[in-house]
């Protein structure tokens, strides 16, 4: 940020700024860059609608489609929390929508257009995958097609302590984060063809992905 940038941003303020004020503001801007978890990740224009959505408290409320829940996952009564279990549950009724091998589950809401935002609490988990998937994601069998991040059907942010990465179509990109977020924010703009993962607590962009 240059002096001209600062003066342009604050030209509507009535109080005059001294040189010391400008130096302090520019130094703060430079320092903020050092706090970014992923130095390769650029600022995204999607953050503007994100902040507007969050400020208006209009983030969408999601629940899990219990028909899709793997027998290796336990779903809470409010259909919002998933817990992994190493022992396969025998209580799950057979359903064509249910994942029968990989520990996957899908949200009850689907969409084909628009801007969608979601926040997921992941602070109690050291291993998880969260992201978006096409409705064609296969539900049965142990093949890679139904494994999140291993086929062209899904785009996920994953954590396996202590590493975090972005996965799609079998390609896994380490993110090199200094620490994993306690909450994971997801923003999907289908018109802009952009998927963004961010840390709601700090506003830091963790990863962006562009695809049709």
N, C-alpha and C. Protein backbone atom coordinates (compact mmCIF):
# COMPACT_ATOMS: atom_id res chain seq x y z
N UNK A 1 0.84 -1.18 0.00
CA UNK A 1 0.00 0.00 0.00
C UNK A 1 0.88 1.24 0.00
N UNK A 2 0.65 2.16 -0.92
CA UNK A 2 1.45 3.37 -1.02
C UNK A 2 0.76 4.51 -0.29
N UNK A 3 1.48 5.61 -0.18
CA UNK A 3 0.91 6.80 0.45
C UNK A 3 -0.32 7.26 -0.32
N UNK A 4 -0.26 7.24 -1.66
CA UNK A 4 -1.41 7.66 -2.47
C UNK A 4 -2.62 6.77 -2.23
N UNK A 5 -2.38 5.47 -2.04
CA UNK A 5 -3.48 4.55 -1.76
C UNK A 5 -4.17 4.92 -0.46
N UNK A 6 -3.36 5.19 0.57
CA UNK A 6 -3.92 5.53 1.87
C UNK A 6 -4.71 6.83 1.79
N UNK A 7 -4.13 7.84 1.12
CA UNK A 7 -4.81 9.13 1.02
C UNK A 7 -6.12 9.00 0.24
N UNK A 8 -6.12 8.15 -0.79
CA UNK A 8 -7.34 7.98 -1.58
C UNK A 8 -8.43 7.30 -0.76
N UNK A 9 -8.05 6.28 0.04
CA UNK A 9 -9.01 5.57 0.85
C UNK A 9 -9.62 6.45 1.93
N UNK A 10 -8.84 7.41 2.41
CA UNK A 10 -9.29 8.22 3.55
C UNK A 10 -9.58 9.67 3.19
N UNK A 11 -9.78 9.95 1.90
CA UNK A 11 -9.97 11.33 1.48
C UNK A 11 -11.29 11.92 2.00
N UNK A 12 -12.23 11.05 2.40
CA UNK A 12 -13.50 11.54 2.91
C UNK A 12 -13.43 11.92 4.39
N UNK A 13 -12.35 11.58 5.05
CA UNK A 13 -12.21 11.92 6.46
C UNK A 13 -11.85 13.40 6.60
N UNK A 14 -12.44 14.03 7.60
CA UNK A 14 -12.23 15.47 7.76
C UNK A 14 -10.94 15.81 8.49
N UNK A 15 -10.49 14.93 9.40
CA UNK A 15 -9.28 15.21 10.17
C UNK A 15 -8.05 15.00 9.30
N UNK A 16 -7.14 15.97 9.26
CA UNK A 16 -5.93 15.81 8.44
C UNK A 16 -5.02 14.74 9.02
N UNK A 17 -4.30 14.03 8.13
CA UNK A 17 -3.37 13.00 8.54
C UNK A 17 -1.95 13.53 8.47
N UNK A 18 -1.18 13.21 9.48
CA UNK A 18 0.22 13.60 9.48
C UNK A 18 1.04 12.53 8.78
N UNK A 19 2.30 12.84 8.48
CA UNK A 19 3.18 11.85 7.88
C UNK A 19 3.34 10.64 8.79
N UNK A 20 3.36 10.88 10.11
CA UNK A 20 3.51 9.78 11.06
C UNK A 20 2.31 8.85 11.00
N UNK A 21 1.10 9.42 10.81
CA UNK A 21 -0.09 8.60 10.68
C UNK A 21 -0.01 7.68 9.47
N UNK A 22 0.42 8.25 8.35
CA UNK A 22 0.50 7.48 7.11
C UNK A 22 1.54 6.37 7.19
N UNK A 23 2.69 6.69 7.80
CA UNK A 23 3.73 5.68 7.96
C UNK A 23 3.23 4.53 8.83
N UNK A 24 2.51 4.85 9.89
CA UNK A 24 1.99 3.81 10.79
C UNK A 24 0.98 2.92 10.07
N UNK A 25 0.10 3.53 9.26
CA UNK A 25 -0.91 2.76 8.55
C UNK A 25 -0.29 1.86 7.50
N UNK A 26 0.70 2.37 6.76
CA UNK A 26 1.35 1.55 5.74
C UNK A 26 2.15 0.42 6.38
N UNK A 27 2.74 0.69 7.54
CA UNK A 27 3.48 -0.36 8.24
C UNK A 27 2.54 -1.45 8.71
N UNK A 28 1.35 -1.05 9.19
CA UNK A 28 0.36 -2.03 9.63
C UNK A 28 -0.10 -2.90 8.48
N UNK A 29 -0.24 -2.28 7.29
CA UNK A 29 -0.65 -3.04 6.12
C UNK A 29 0.40 -4.07 5.75
N UNK A 30 1.68 -3.68 5.78
CA UNK A 30 2.75 -4.61 5.45
C UNK A 30 2.82 -5.74 6.47
N UNK A 31 2.59 -5.40 7.75
CA UNK A 31 2.64 -6.41 8.79
C UNK A 31 1.51 -7.42 8.63
N UNK A 32 0.32 -6.95 8.17
CA UNK A 32 -0.81 -7.86 8.03
C UNK A 32 -0.54 -8.94 7.01
N UNK A 33 0.30 -8.64 5.99
CA UNK A 33 0.61 -9.64 4.98
C UNK A 33 1.37 -10.81 5.58
N UNK A 34 2.13 -10.54 6.64
CA UNK A 34 2.93 -11.58 7.25
C UNK A 34 2.07 -12.57 8.04
N UNK A 35 0.82 -12.18 8.32
CA UNK A 35 -0.05 -13.03 9.12
C UNK A 35 -0.85 -13.99 8.26
N UNK A 36 -0.73 -13.89 6.96
CA UNK A 36 -1.46 -14.78 6.08
C UNK A 36 -0.93 -16.20 6.24
N UNK A 37 -1.84 -17.18 6.44
CA UNK A 37 -1.42 -18.55 6.64
C UNK A 37 -0.75 -19.12 5.39
N UNK A 38 -1.31 -18.82 4.25
CA UNK A 38 -0.82 -19.40 3.00
C UNK A 38 -0.33 -18.27 2.10
N UNK A 39 0.97 -18.13 1.98
CA UNK A 39 1.53 -17.00 1.25
C UNK A 39 1.20 -17.05 -0.25
N UNK A 40 0.89 -18.24 -0.78
CA UNK A 40 0.59 -18.38 -2.21
C UNK A 40 -0.84 -17.98 -2.54
N UNK A 41 -1.67 -17.80 -1.51
CA UNK A 41 -3.09 -17.54 -1.75
C UNK A 41 -3.35 -16.04 -1.86
N UNK A 42 -3.92 -15.63 -2.99
CA UNK A 42 -4.18 -14.22 -3.23
C UNK A 42 -5.54 -13.81 -2.67
N UNK A 43 -5.70 -12.51 -2.47
CA UNK A 43 -6.98 -11.97 -2.03
C UNK A 43 -8.03 -12.22 -3.09
N UNK A 44 -9.22 -12.60 -2.67
CA UNK A 44 -10.28 -12.93 -3.62
C UNK A 44 -11.38 -11.89 -3.59
N UNK A 45 -11.95 -11.50 -4.76
CA UNK A 45 -13.08 -10.58 -4.79
C UNK A 45 -14.32 -11.16 -4.14
N UNK A 46 -14.34 -12.47 -3.92
CA UNK A 46 -15.48 -13.08 -3.25
C UNK A 46 -15.59 -12.66 -1.79
N UNK A 47 -14.52 -12.11 -1.22
CA UNK A 47 -14.58 -11.73 0.19
C UNK A 47 -15.55 -10.59 0.43
N UNK A 48 -15.73 -9.72 -0.55
CA UNK A 48 -16.67 -8.59 -0.37
C UNK A 48 -18.09 -9.08 -0.13
N UNK A 49 -18.66 -9.95 -1.00
CA UNK A 49 -19.99 -10.47 -0.69
C UNK A 49 -20.01 -11.35 0.55
N UNK A 50 -18.87 -11.99 0.86
CA UNK A 50 -18.81 -12.81 2.05
C UNK A 50 -19.03 -11.97 3.30
N UNK A 51 -18.29 -10.86 3.40
CA UNK A 51 -18.44 -10.02 4.60
C UNK A 51 -19.86 -9.44 4.67
N UNK A 52 -20.42 -9.07 3.52
CA UNK A 52 -21.79 -8.55 3.51
C UNK A 52 -22.77 -9.60 4.00
N UNK A 53 -22.59 -10.83 3.56
CA UNK A 53 -23.47 -11.91 3.97
C UNK A 53 -23.36 -12.16 5.47
N UNK A 54 -22.12 -12.21 5.96
CA UNK A 54 -21.90 -12.47 7.38
C UNK A 54 -22.46 -11.34 8.24
N UNK A 55 -22.27 -10.08 7.80
CA UNK A 55 -22.73 -8.93 8.56
C UNK A 55 -24.25 -8.93 8.69
N UNK A 56 -24.93 -9.40 7.68
CA UNK A 56 -26.39 -9.45 7.71
C UNK A 56 -26.92 -10.72 8.36
N UNK A 57 -26.01 -11.55 8.85
CA UNK A 57 -26.38 -12.80 9.51
C UNK A 57 -27.27 -13.65 8.61
N UNK A 58 -26.90 -13.72 7.36
CA UNK A 58 -27.70 -14.46 6.38
C UNK A 58 -27.01 -15.71 5.87
N UNK A 59 -26.01 -16.18 6.60
CA UNK A 59 -25.37 -17.43 6.19
C UNK A 59 -26.40 -18.55 6.22
N UNK A 60 -26.35 -19.40 5.22
CA UNK A 60 -27.35 -20.44 5.10
C UNK A 60 -27.22 -21.47 6.23
N UNK A 61 -28.36 -22.00 6.64
CA UNK A 61 -28.38 -23.05 7.66
C UNK A 61 -28.46 -24.39 6.96
N UNK A 62 -27.53 -25.27 7.29
CA UNK A 62 -27.44 -26.55 6.61
C UNK A 62 -27.72 -27.68 7.58
N UNK A 63 -28.24 -28.76 7.08
CA UNK A 63 -28.38 -29.99 7.86
C UNK A 63 -27.94 -31.15 6.96
N UNK A 64 -27.66 -32.28 7.59
CA UNK A 64 -27.17 -33.45 6.86
C UNK A 64 -28.34 -34.32 6.41
N UNK A 65 -28.26 -34.80 5.19
CA UNK A 65 -29.25 -35.75 4.68
C UNK A 65 -28.94 -37.12 5.28
N UNK A 66 -29.77 -37.55 6.23
CA UNK A 66 -29.48 -38.79 6.95
C UNK A 66 -29.48 -40.01 6.03
N UNK A 67 -30.13 -39.93 4.88
CA UNK A 67 -30.13 -41.06 3.94
C UNK A 67 -28.73 -41.33 3.38
N UNK A 68 -27.86 -40.28 3.38
CA UNK A 68 -26.54 -40.42 2.77
C UNK A 68 -25.46 -40.82 3.77
N UNK A 69 -25.76 -40.77 5.07
CA UNK A 69 -24.73 -40.94 6.09
C UNK A 69 -24.15 -42.35 6.10
N UNK A 70 -22.82 -42.42 5.99
CA UNK A 70 -22.10 -43.68 6.02
C UNK A 70 -22.32 -44.40 7.35
N UNK A 71 -22.32 -45.73 7.35
CA UNK A 71 -22.43 -46.47 8.61
C UNK A 71 -21.21 -46.29 9.52
N UNK A 72 -20.16 -45.62 9.01
CA UNK A 72 -19.00 -45.31 9.85
C UNK A 72 -19.12 -43.91 10.48
N UNK A 73 -20.25 -43.26 10.30
CA UNK A 73 -20.49 -41.95 10.88
C UNK A 73 -21.75 -41.97 11.74
N UNK A 74 -21.71 -41.23 12.83
CA UNK A 74 -22.89 -41.06 13.68
C UNK A 74 -23.40 -39.64 13.50
N UNK A 75 -24.72 -39.52 13.27
CA UNK A 75 -25.34 -38.23 13.05
C UNK A 75 -26.09 -37.80 14.30
N UNK A 76 -25.88 -36.55 14.72
CA UNK A 76 -26.55 -36.03 15.91
C UNK A 76 -28.05 -35.87 15.66
N UNK A 77 -28.81 -35.71 16.73
CA UNK A 77 -30.26 -35.59 16.63
C UNK A 77 -30.69 -34.37 15.83
N UNK A 78 -29.89 -33.29 15.89
CA UNK A 78 -30.25 -32.10 15.14
C UNK A 78 -29.76 -32.13 13.69
N UNK A 79 -29.12 -33.24 13.32
CA UNK A 79 -28.65 -33.48 11.94
C UNK A 79 -27.61 -32.45 11.49
N UNK A 80 -26.79 -31.98 12.44
CA UNK A 80 -25.78 -30.98 12.11
C UNK A 80 -24.35 -31.43 12.47
N UNK A 81 -24.20 -32.50 13.23
CA UNK A 81 -22.89 -32.93 13.68
C UNK A 81 -22.64 -34.39 13.29
N UNK A 82 -21.46 -34.63 12.71
CA UNK A 82 -21.05 -35.97 12.33
C UNK A 82 -19.86 -36.40 13.19
N UNK A 83 -19.88 -37.65 13.66
CA UNK A 83 -18.80 -38.19 14.46
C UNK A 83 -18.36 -39.52 13.86
N UNK A 84 -17.06 -39.66 13.62
CA UNK A 84 -16.54 -40.89 13.02
C UNK A 84 -16.51 -42.02 14.04
N UNK A 85 -16.85 -43.22 13.58
CA UNK A 85 -16.76 -44.42 14.41
C UNK A 85 -16.03 -45.50 13.62
N UNK A 86 -15.01 -46.09 14.21
CA UNK A 86 -14.24 -47.13 13.52
C UNK A 86 -15.06 -48.41 13.34
N UNK A 87 -16.10 -48.55 14.15
CA UNK A 87 -16.95 -49.73 14.06
C UNK A 87 -18.17 -49.42 13.21
N UNK A 88 -18.40 -50.22 12.20
CA UNK A 88 -19.51 -50.00 11.27
C UNK A 88 -20.84 -50.25 11.97
N UNK A 89 -21.73 -49.27 11.87
CA UNK A 89 -23.04 -49.40 12.49
C UNK A 89 -23.93 -50.35 11.69
N UNK A 90 -24.66 -51.18 12.41
CA UNK A 90 -25.60 -52.09 11.77
C UNK A 90 -27.02 -51.54 11.78
N UNK A 91 -27.17 -50.35 12.40
CA UNK A 91 -28.50 -49.76 12.53
C UNK A 91 -28.92 -49.01 11.28
N UNK A 92 -27.99 -48.69 10.39
CA UNK A 92 -28.30 -47.93 9.19
C UNK A 92 -29.09 -48.78 8.19
N UNK A 93 -30.26 -48.28 7.84
CA UNK A 93 -31.05 -48.98 6.84
C UNK A 93 -30.43 -48.80 5.47
N UNK A 94 -30.53 -49.82 4.64
CA UNK A 94 -29.98 -49.73 3.30
C UNK A 94 -30.76 -48.70 2.50
N UNK A 95 -30.03 -47.84 1.78
CA UNK A 95 -30.67 -46.79 0.99
C UNK A 95 -29.78 -46.53 -0.22
N UNK A 96 -30.36 -46.34 -1.40
CA UNK A 96 -29.53 -46.08 -2.59
C UNK A 96 -28.72 -44.80 -2.47
N UNK A 97 -29.11 -43.88 -1.58
CA UNK A 97 -28.38 -42.63 -1.41
C UNK A 97 -27.24 -42.75 -0.40
N UNK A 98 -27.18 -43.83 0.35
CA UNK A 98 -26.21 -43.96 1.44
C UNK A 98 -24.83 -44.41 0.93
N UNK A 99 -23.79 -43.77 1.47
CA UNK A 99 -22.42 -44.23 1.22
C UNK A 99 -22.18 -45.49 2.05
N UNK A 100 -21.77 -46.56 1.41
CA UNK A 100 -21.66 -47.81 2.15
C UNK A 100 -20.23 -48.19 2.51
N UNK A 101 -19.23 -47.39 2.07
CA UNK A 101 -17.83 -47.73 2.40
C UNK A 101 -17.07 -46.54 2.99
N UNK A 102 -16.90 -45.48 2.21
CA UNK A 102 -16.16 -44.32 2.71
C UNK A 102 -17.02 -43.53 3.68
N UNK A 103 -16.40 -42.93 4.72
CA UNK A 103 -17.17 -42.19 5.74
C UNK A 103 -17.61 -40.81 5.23
N UNK A 104 -18.56 -40.83 4.32
CA UNK A 104 -19.06 -39.60 3.70
C UNK A 104 -20.50 -39.33 4.12
N UNK A 105 -20.91 -38.08 3.95
CA UNK A 105 -22.31 -37.68 4.11
C UNK A 105 -22.49 -36.38 3.34
N UNK A 106 -23.69 -36.15 2.85
CA UNK A 106 -23.99 -34.95 2.08
C UNK A 106 -25.03 -34.10 2.80
N UNK A 107 -25.01 -32.82 2.50
CA UNK A 107 -26.02 -31.92 3.04
C UNK A 107 -27.38 -32.22 2.42
N UNK A 108 -28.43 -31.84 3.13
CA UNK A 108 -29.78 -32.09 2.64
C UNK A 108 -30.16 -31.13 1.52
N UNK A 109 -29.43 -30.02 1.40
CA UNK A 109 -29.74 -28.99 0.41
C UNK A 109 -28.84 -29.14 -0.81
N UNK A 110 -29.43 -29.08 -1.98
CA UNK A 110 -28.65 -29.07 -3.22
C UNK A 110 -28.99 -27.81 -4.00
N UNK A 111 -28.16 -27.46 -4.96
CA UNK A 111 -28.37 -26.21 -5.71
C UNK A 111 -27.66 -26.29 -7.04
N UNK A 112 -28.08 -25.45 -7.97
CA UNK A 112 -27.49 -25.42 -9.31
C UNK A 112 -27.02 -24.03 -9.70
N UNK A 113 -27.26 -23.03 -8.85
CA UNK A 113 -26.86 -21.66 -9.17
C UNK A 113 -26.75 -20.87 -7.87
N UNK A 114 -26.17 -19.66 -8.00
CA UNK A 114 -26.15 -18.74 -6.87
C UNK A 114 -24.87 -18.74 -6.06
N UNK A 115 -24.93 -17.96 -4.98
CA UNK A 115 -23.82 -17.79 -4.04
C UNK A 115 -24.19 -18.51 -2.74
N UNK A 116 -23.31 -19.36 -2.26
CA UNK A 116 -23.62 -20.18 -1.09
C UNK A 116 -22.47 -20.11 -0.09
N UNK A 117 -22.82 -19.92 1.18
CA UNK A 117 -21.82 -19.80 2.24
C UNK A 117 -22.14 -20.77 3.37
N UNK A 118 -21.10 -21.30 3.96
CA UNK A 118 -21.25 -22.30 5.01
C UNK A 118 -20.09 -22.18 5.99
N UNK A 119 -20.38 -22.33 7.27
CA UNK A 119 -19.34 -22.41 8.29
C UNK A 119 -19.46 -23.73 9.02
N UNK A 120 -18.34 -24.43 9.18
CA UNK A 120 -18.34 -25.74 9.82
C UNK A 120 -17.39 -25.69 11.02
N UNK A 121 -17.88 -26.15 12.16
CA UNK A 121 -17.05 -26.22 13.36
C UNK A 121 -16.20 -27.50 13.29
N UNK A 122 -14.89 -27.34 13.22
CA UNK A 122 -14.00 -28.49 13.09
C UNK A 122 -12.96 -28.53 14.20
N UNK A 123 -13.15 -27.75 15.26
CA UNK A 123 -12.11 -27.59 16.27
C UNK A 123 -11.85 -28.87 17.07
N UNK A 124 -12.82 -29.77 17.12
CA UNK A 124 -12.63 -31.00 17.90
C UNK A 124 -12.17 -32.17 17.04
N UNK A 125 -11.82 -31.90 15.80
CA UNK A 125 -11.43 -32.99 14.90
C UNK A 125 -10.02 -32.76 14.36
N UNK A 126 -9.20 -33.79 14.41
CA UNK A 126 -7.84 -33.71 13.84
C UNK A 126 -7.78 -34.38 12.48
N UNK A 127 -8.93 -34.90 12.00
CA UNK A 127 -8.99 -35.51 10.68
C UNK A 127 -10.39 -35.33 10.12
N UNK A 128 -10.48 -34.68 8.95
CA UNK A 128 -11.79 -34.46 8.35
C UNK A 128 -11.62 -34.05 6.89
N UNK A 129 -12.72 -34.11 6.15
CA UNK A 129 -12.81 -33.57 4.80
C UNK A 129 -14.11 -32.78 4.72
N UNK A 130 -14.03 -31.56 4.23
CA UNK A 130 -15.21 -30.71 4.08
C UNK A 130 -15.11 -30.02 2.73
N UNK A 131 -16.22 -29.99 1.98
CA UNK A 131 -16.17 -29.32 0.69
C UNK A 131 -17.48 -29.42 -0.04
N UNK A 132 -17.41 -29.44 -1.36
CA UNK A 132 -18.61 -29.53 -2.19
C UNK A 132 -18.47 -30.72 -3.14
N UNK A 133 -19.62 -31.24 -3.56
CA UNK A 133 -19.61 -32.42 -4.43
C UNK A 133 -20.76 -32.33 -5.42
N UNK A 134 -20.57 -32.97 -6.55
CA UNK A 134 -21.64 -33.09 -7.53
C UNK A 134 -22.61 -34.18 -7.09
N UNK A 135 -23.87 -34.04 -7.53
CA UNK A 135 -24.87 -35.03 -7.17
C UNK A 135 -24.56 -36.41 -7.73
N UNK A 136 -23.71 -36.46 -8.77
CA UNK A 136 -23.36 -37.74 -9.37
C UNK A 136 -22.32 -38.53 -8.59
N UNK A 137 -21.85 -37.97 -7.47
CA UNK A 137 -20.85 -38.67 -6.66
C UNK A 137 -21.36 -40.07 -6.30
N UNK A 138 -20.67 -41.12 -6.74
CA UNK A 138 -21.13 -42.50 -6.46
C UNK A 138 -21.21 -42.76 -4.95
N UNK A 139 -22.18 -43.55 -4.56
CA UNK A 139 -22.41 -43.81 -3.14
C UNK A 139 -21.93 -45.19 -2.70
N UNK A 140 -21.74 -46.10 -3.64
CA UNK A 140 -21.46 -47.48 -3.26
C UNK A 140 -20.04 -47.90 -3.66
N UNK A 141 -19.47 -48.79 -2.84
CA UNK A 141 -18.20 -49.39 -3.16
C UNK A 141 -17.00 -48.64 -2.60
N UNK A 142 -15.84 -49.27 -2.72
CA UNK A 142 -14.60 -48.72 -2.15
C UNK A 142 -13.72 -48.06 -3.20
N UNK A 143 -14.26 -47.84 -4.41
CA UNK A 143 -13.47 -47.23 -5.46
C UNK A 143 -13.19 -45.76 -5.22
N UNK A 144 -12.24 -45.22 -5.96
CA UNK A 144 -11.85 -43.82 -5.79
C UNK A 144 -12.95 -42.85 -6.20
N UNK A 145 -13.86 -43.27 -7.07
CA UNK A 145 -14.93 -42.38 -7.53
C UNK A 145 -15.79 -41.87 -6.38
N UNK A 146 -15.98 -42.70 -5.36
CA UNK A 146 -16.82 -42.29 -4.23
C UNK A 146 -16.01 -41.76 -3.05
N UNK A 147 -14.71 -41.66 -3.21
CA UNK A 147 -13.84 -41.16 -2.14
C UNK A 147 -13.63 -39.66 -2.33
N UNK A 148 -13.95 -38.88 -1.32
CA UNK A 148 -13.90 -37.43 -1.43
C UNK A 148 -12.50 -36.94 -1.79
N UNK A 149 -12.43 -36.10 -2.83
CA UNK A 149 -11.17 -35.53 -3.26
C UNK A 149 -10.38 -36.39 -4.20
N UNK A 150 -10.84 -37.62 -4.45
CA UNK A 150 -10.09 -38.55 -5.28
C UNK A 150 -10.69 -38.73 -6.67
N UNK A 151 -11.76 -38.00 -6.97
CA UNK A 151 -12.37 -38.08 -8.29
C UNK A 151 -12.78 -36.69 -8.73
N UNK A 152 -13.30 -36.60 -9.95
CA UNK A 152 -13.73 -35.30 -10.49
C UNK A 152 -15.05 -34.84 -9.90
N UNK A 153 -15.63 -35.62 -8.98
CA UNK A 153 -16.95 -35.30 -8.44
C UNK A 153 -16.91 -34.43 -7.17
N UNK A 154 -15.73 -34.20 -6.60
CA UNK A 154 -15.69 -33.47 -5.33
C UNK A 154 -14.45 -32.60 -5.20
N UNK A 155 -14.60 -31.53 -4.41
CA UNK A 155 -13.54 -30.56 -4.13
C UNK A 155 -13.53 -30.37 -2.62
N UNK A 156 -12.45 -30.72 -1.95
CA UNK A 156 -12.48 -30.74 -0.49
C UNK A 156 -11.23 -30.13 0.15
N UNK A 157 -11.44 -29.56 1.31
CA UNK A 157 -10.39 -29.14 2.23
C UNK A 157 -10.26 -30.26 3.24
N UNK A 158 -9.07 -30.80 3.39
CA UNK A 158 -8.91 -31.93 4.31
C UNK A 158 -7.81 -31.66 5.33
N UNK A 159 -7.95 -32.30 6.46
CA UNK A 159 -6.94 -32.22 7.51
C UNK A 159 -6.63 -33.62 8.01
N UNK A 160 -5.37 -33.96 8.01
CA UNK A 160 -4.88 -35.15 8.69
C UNK A 160 -3.68 -34.67 9.50
N UNK A 161 -3.89 -34.56 10.80
CA UNK A 161 -2.92 -33.91 11.68
C UNK A 161 -1.48 -34.28 11.33
N UNK A 162 -0.59 -33.29 11.18
CA UNK A 162 -0.85 -31.86 11.33
C UNK A 162 -1.05 -31.13 10.00
N UNK A 163 -1.23 -31.86 8.90
CA UNK A 163 -1.25 -31.26 7.57
C UNK A 163 -2.67 -30.95 7.08
N UNK A 164 -2.80 -29.85 6.34
CA UNK A 164 -4.04 -29.51 5.66
C UNK A 164 -3.76 -29.42 4.16
N UNK A 165 -4.73 -29.83 3.35
CA UNK A 165 -4.53 -29.76 1.91
C UNK A 165 -5.85 -29.61 1.18
N UNK A 166 -5.78 -29.23 -0.09
CA UNK A 166 -6.94 -29.15 -0.96
C UNK A 166 -6.85 -30.31 -1.94
N UNK A 167 -7.96 -31.03 -2.11
CA UNK A 167 -7.95 -32.22 -2.97
C UNK A 167 -9.08 -32.19 -3.99
N UNK A 168 -8.74 -32.57 -5.21
CA UNK A 168 -9.73 -32.71 -6.28
C UNK A 168 -9.18 -33.63 -7.35
N UNK A 169 -9.99 -34.59 -7.76
CA UNK A 169 -9.64 -35.50 -8.86
C UNK A 169 -8.30 -36.20 -8.63
N UNK A 170 -8.05 -36.57 -7.38
CA UNK A 170 -6.83 -37.30 -7.05
C UNK A 170 -5.59 -36.45 -6.91
N UNK A 171 -5.73 -35.14 -7.10
CA UNK A 171 -4.61 -34.22 -6.92
C UNK A 171 -4.71 -33.58 -5.53
N UNK A 172 -3.64 -33.63 -4.77
CA UNK A 172 -3.65 -33.14 -3.39
C UNK A 172 -2.60 -32.03 -3.25
N UNK A 173 -3.06 -30.85 -2.92
CA UNK A 173 -2.18 -29.68 -2.81
C UNK A 173 -1.98 -29.28 -1.35
N UNK A 174 -0.81 -29.52 -0.77
CA UNK A 174 -0.56 -29.10 0.61
C UNK A 174 -0.71 -27.58 0.72
N UNK A 175 -1.31 -27.12 1.82
CA UNK A 175 -1.57 -25.69 1.97
C UNK A 175 -0.54 -24.98 2.83
N UNK A 176 0.24 -25.70 3.57
CA UNK A 176 1.31 -25.07 4.35
C UNK A 176 0.82 -24.06 5.36
N UNK A 177 -0.29 -24.35 6.04
CA UNK A 177 -0.83 -23.43 7.04
C UNK A 177 -0.03 -23.49 8.33
N UNK A 178 0.06 -22.33 8.99
CA UNK A 178 0.75 -22.29 10.28
C UNK A 178 -0.05 -23.02 11.35
N UNK A 179 -1.37 -22.95 11.23
CA UNK A 179 -2.24 -23.69 12.14
C UNK A 179 -3.57 -23.92 11.43
N UNK A 180 -4.25 -24.97 11.81
CA UNK A 180 -5.54 -25.29 11.20
C UNK A 180 -6.64 -24.50 11.91
N UNK A 181 -7.66 -24.08 11.17
CA UNK A 181 -8.71 -23.24 11.77
C UNK A 181 -9.63 -24.05 12.69
N UNK A 182 -10.22 -23.36 13.66
CA UNK A 182 -11.22 -23.99 14.53
C UNK A 182 -12.56 -24.08 13.82
N UNK A 183 -12.82 -23.12 12.95
CA UNK A 183 -13.98 -23.13 12.08
C UNK A 183 -13.51 -23.02 10.64
N UNK A 184 -14.20 -23.69 9.75
CA UNK A 184 -13.86 -23.63 8.34
C UNK A 184 -15.01 -23.00 7.58
N UNK A 185 -14.71 -21.90 6.90
CA UNK A 185 -15.71 -21.24 6.08
C UNK A 185 -15.57 -21.66 4.63
N UNK A 186 -16.70 -21.87 3.99
CA UNK A 186 -16.72 -22.25 2.58
C UNK A 186 -17.63 -21.29 1.83
N UNK A 187 -17.14 -20.77 0.73
CA UNK A 187 -17.93 -19.86 -0.10
C UNK A 187 -17.87 -20.35 -1.53
N UNK A 188 -19.03 -20.58 -2.12
CA UNK A 188 -19.11 -21.09 -3.49
C UNK A 188 -19.96 -20.13 -4.32
N UNK A 189 -19.37 -19.60 -5.37
CA UNK A 189 -20.09 -18.74 -6.32
C UNK A 189 -20.12 -19.46 -7.66
N UNK A 190 -21.28 -20.02 -8.00
CA UNK A 190 -21.37 -20.83 -9.21
C UNK A 190 -21.28 -19.98 -10.47
N UNK A 191 -21.75 -18.74 -10.40
CA UNK A 191 -21.66 -17.87 -11.57
C UNK A 191 -20.20 -17.47 -11.84
N UNK A 192 -19.48 -17.12 -10.77
CA UNK A 192 -18.07 -16.75 -10.90
C UNK A 192 -17.17 -17.97 -11.04
N UNK A 193 -17.72 -19.16 -10.83
CA UNK A 193 -16.98 -20.42 -10.92
C UNK A 193 -15.79 -20.43 -9.95
N UNK A 194 -16.06 -20.01 -8.72
CA UNK A 194 -14.99 -19.95 -7.72
C UNK A 194 -15.44 -20.60 -6.42
N UNK A 195 -14.53 -21.37 -5.84
CA UNK A 195 -14.71 -21.99 -4.54
C UNK A 195 -13.63 -21.45 -3.62
N UNK A 196 -14.03 -21.02 -2.44
CA UNK A 196 -13.09 -20.39 -1.51
C UNK A 196 -13.24 -21.00 -0.13
N UNK A 197 -12.10 -21.32 0.49
CA UNK A 197 -12.06 -21.78 1.87
C UNK A 197 -11.36 -20.69 2.69
N UNK A 198 -11.92 -20.37 3.86
CA UNK A 198 -11.33 -19.28 4.66
C UNK A 198 -11.50 -19.57 6.14
N UNK A 199 -10.76 -18.82 6.94
CA UNK A 199 -10.84 -18.92 8.40
C UNK A 199 -11.72 -17.78 8.90
N UNK A 200 -12.93 -18.04 9.38
CA UNK A 200 -13.84 -16.97 9.81
C UNK A 200 -13.27 -16.12 10.95
N UNK A 201 -12.46 -16.74 11.81
CA UNK A 201 -11.93 -16.01 12.97
C UNK A 201 -10.98 -14.89 12.57
N UNK A 202 -10.14 -15.14 11.56
CA UNK A 202 -9.14 -14.15 11.16
C UNK A 202 -9.45 -13.49 9.82
N UNK A 203 -10.39 -14.07 9.05
CA UNK A 203 -10.67 -13.54 7.72
C UNK A 203 -9.63 -13.93 6.70
N UNK A 204 -8.73 -14.84 7.05
CA UNK A 204 -7.67 -15.26 6.15
C UNK A 204 -8.20 -16.26 5.13
N UNK A 205 -7.86 -16.05 3.87
CA UNK A 205 -8.21 -16.99 2.81
C UNK A 205 -7.23 -18.16 2.85
N UNK A 206 -7.76 -19.37 2.98
CA UNK A 206 -6.91 -20.55 3.07
C UNK A 206 -6.61 -21.15 1.70
N UNK A 207 -7.61 -21.07 0.81
CA UNK A 207 -7.40 -21.61 -0.55
C UNK A 207 -8.53 -21.14 -1.45
N UNK A 208 -8.22 -20.89 -2.70
CA UNK A 208 -9.24 -20.61 -3.71
C UNK A 208 -9.05 -21.54 -4.89
N UNK A 209 -10.16 -21.88 -5.53
CA UNK A 209 -10.12 -22.80 -6.67
C UNK A 209 -11.12 -22.33 -7.72
N UNK A 210 -10.69 -22.27 -8.95
CA UNK A 210 -11.55 -21.85 -10.07
C UNK A 210 -11.79 -23.04 -10.98
N UNK A 211 -13.06 -23.30 -11.30
CA UNK A 211 -13.40 -24.40 -12.20
C UNK A 211 -14.81 -24.16 -12.75
N UNK A 212 -15.08 -24.75 -13.88
CA UNK A 212 -16.43 -24.62 -14.47
C UNK A 212 -17.39 -25.56 -13.75
